[in-house]
Protein backbone atom coordinates (compact mmCIF):
# COMPACT_ATOMS: atom_id res chain seq x y z
CA UNK A 1 -28.04 -31.43 -15.66
CA UNK A 2 -25.27 -28.86 -15.75
CA UNK A 3 -24.74 -26.43 -18.62
CA UNK A 4 -21.66 -24.23 -18.93
CA UNK A 5 -21.30 -21.34 -21.32
CA UNK A 6 -17.99 -19.61 -21.90
CA UNK A 7 -17.99 -16.15 -23.45
CA UNK A 8 -14.74 -14.57 -24.56
CA UNK A 9 -15.10 -10.76 -24.54
CA UNK A 10 -12.85 -7.81 -23.97
CA UNK A 11 -13.91 -5.42 -21.20
CA UNK A 12 -14.93 -2.88 -23.85
CA UNK A 13 -17.16 -5.42 -25.61
CA UNK A 14 -18.76 -6.49 -22.33
CA UNK A 15 -19.55 -2.86 -21.41
CA UNK A 16 -21.08 -2.29 -24.84
CA UNK A 17 -23.29 -5.39 -24.60
CA UNK A 18 -24.54 -4.41 -21.13
CA UNK A 19 -25.14 -0.85 -22.32
CA UNK A 20 -22.59 0.96 -20.18
CA UNK A 21 -21.09 4.13 -21.63
CA UNK A 22 -17.53 4.28 -22.91
CA UNK A 23 -15.79 6.53 -20.40
CA UNK A 24 -12.26 6.00 -21.72
CA UNK A 25 -11.85 9.59 -22.91
CA UNK A 26 -13.28 10.96 -19.66
CA UNK A 27 -10.88 8.76 -17.71
CA UNK A 28 -7.89 10.00 -19.73
CA UNK A 29 -8.95 13.64 -19.26
CA UNK A 30 -9.30 13.13 -15.50
CA UNK A 31 -5.86 11.48 -15.27
CA UNK A 32 -4.25 14.33 -17.23
CA UNK A 33 -5.79 16.94 -14.92
CA UNK A 34 -4.71 14.95 -11.85
CA UNK A 35 -1.15 14.58 -13.18
CA UNK A 36 -0.89 18.31 -13.90
CA UNK A 37 -2.15 19.21 -10.41
CA UNK A 38 0.36 16.83 -8.83
CA UNK A 39 3.21 18.33 -10.87
CA UNK A 40 2.16 21.86 -9.88
CA UNK A 41 1.93 20.90 -6.20
CA UNK A 42 5.29 19.14 -6.28
CA UNK A 43 7.02 22.12 -7.85
CA UNK A 44 5.71 24.46 -5.14
CA UNK A 45 7.00 22.36 -2.23
CA UNK A 46 10.23 23.57 -0.63
CA UNK A 47 12.23 20.48 0.34
CA UNK A 48 15.16 22.25 2.04
CA UNK A 49 13.51 22.66 5.50
CA UNK A 50 12.42 19.03 5.42
CA UNK A 51 15.91 17.80 4.58
CA UNK A 52 17.43 19.99 7.29
CA UNK A 53 14.99 18.57 9.85
CA UNK A 54 15.72 14.99 8.84
CA UNK A 55 19.49 15.44 8.72
CA UNK A 56 19.42 17.15 12.12
CA UNK A 57 17.77 14.12 13.69
CA UNK A 58 20.58 11.85 12.59
CA UNK A 59 20.34 8.57 14.47
CA UNK A 60 16.89 9.41 15.87
CA UNK A 61 15.33 9.22 12.41
CA UNK A 62 17.04 5.90 11.77
CA UNK A 63 15.88 4.54 15.15
CA UNK A 64 12.31 5.67 14.44
CA UNK A 65 12.36 3.97 11.03
CA UNK A 66 13.68 0.71 12.46
CA UNK A 67 11.00 0.94 15.18
CA UNK A 68 8.29 1.28 12.53
CA UNK A 69 9.65 -1.66 10.56
CA UNK A 70 9.94 -3.74 13.72
CA UNK A 71 6.36 -2.92 14.72
CA UNK A 72 5.14 -3.85 11.25
CA UNK A 73 6.93 -7.22 11.35
CA UNK A 74 5.95 -8.09 14.93
CA UNK A 75 2.32 -9.14 14.23
CA UNK A 76 3.38 -11.57 11.52
CA UNK A 77 5.72 -13.39 13.91
CA UNK A 78 3.65 -13.05 17.10
CA UNK A 79 2.02 -16.48 16.62
CA UNK A 80 5.40 -18.23 16.52
CA UNK A 81 6.87 -19.13 19.91
CA UNK A 82 10.54 -19.69 20.43
CA UNK A 83 11.91 -22.57 22.52
CA UNK A 84 12.62 -20.20 25.43
CA UNK A 85 8.98 -19.01 25.36
CA UNK A 86 7.73 -22.60 25.41
CA UNK A 87 9.92 -23.61 28.37
CA UNK A 88 9.08 -20.39 30.21
CA UNK A 89 5.35 -20.99 29.78
CA UNK A 90 5.72 -24.53 31.16
CA UNK A 91 7.51 -23.22 34.26
CA UNK A 92 4.81 -20.58 34.76
CA UNK A 93 2.10 -23.28 34.72
CA UNK A 94 3.96 -25.52 37.24
């Protein structure tokens, strides 16, 4: 015998039934404090030296970025062998 029960509750109702506290106001207060600290930190950062460093690198920064992207894409395609890889592996076995 199989019995199924479906209960349609909002997350708030489920927390109340289980007896968990409502931490919505605490969550909002924490987010507001975090946002304010991030804004303060962002306003104190001097971006000019960073931009000068990046612009001075020129092509090196672009090459580094393409290297990172290439390295990130390599594992997803490493299981796929091209036709030249397949024929090369046959010759190596012979």
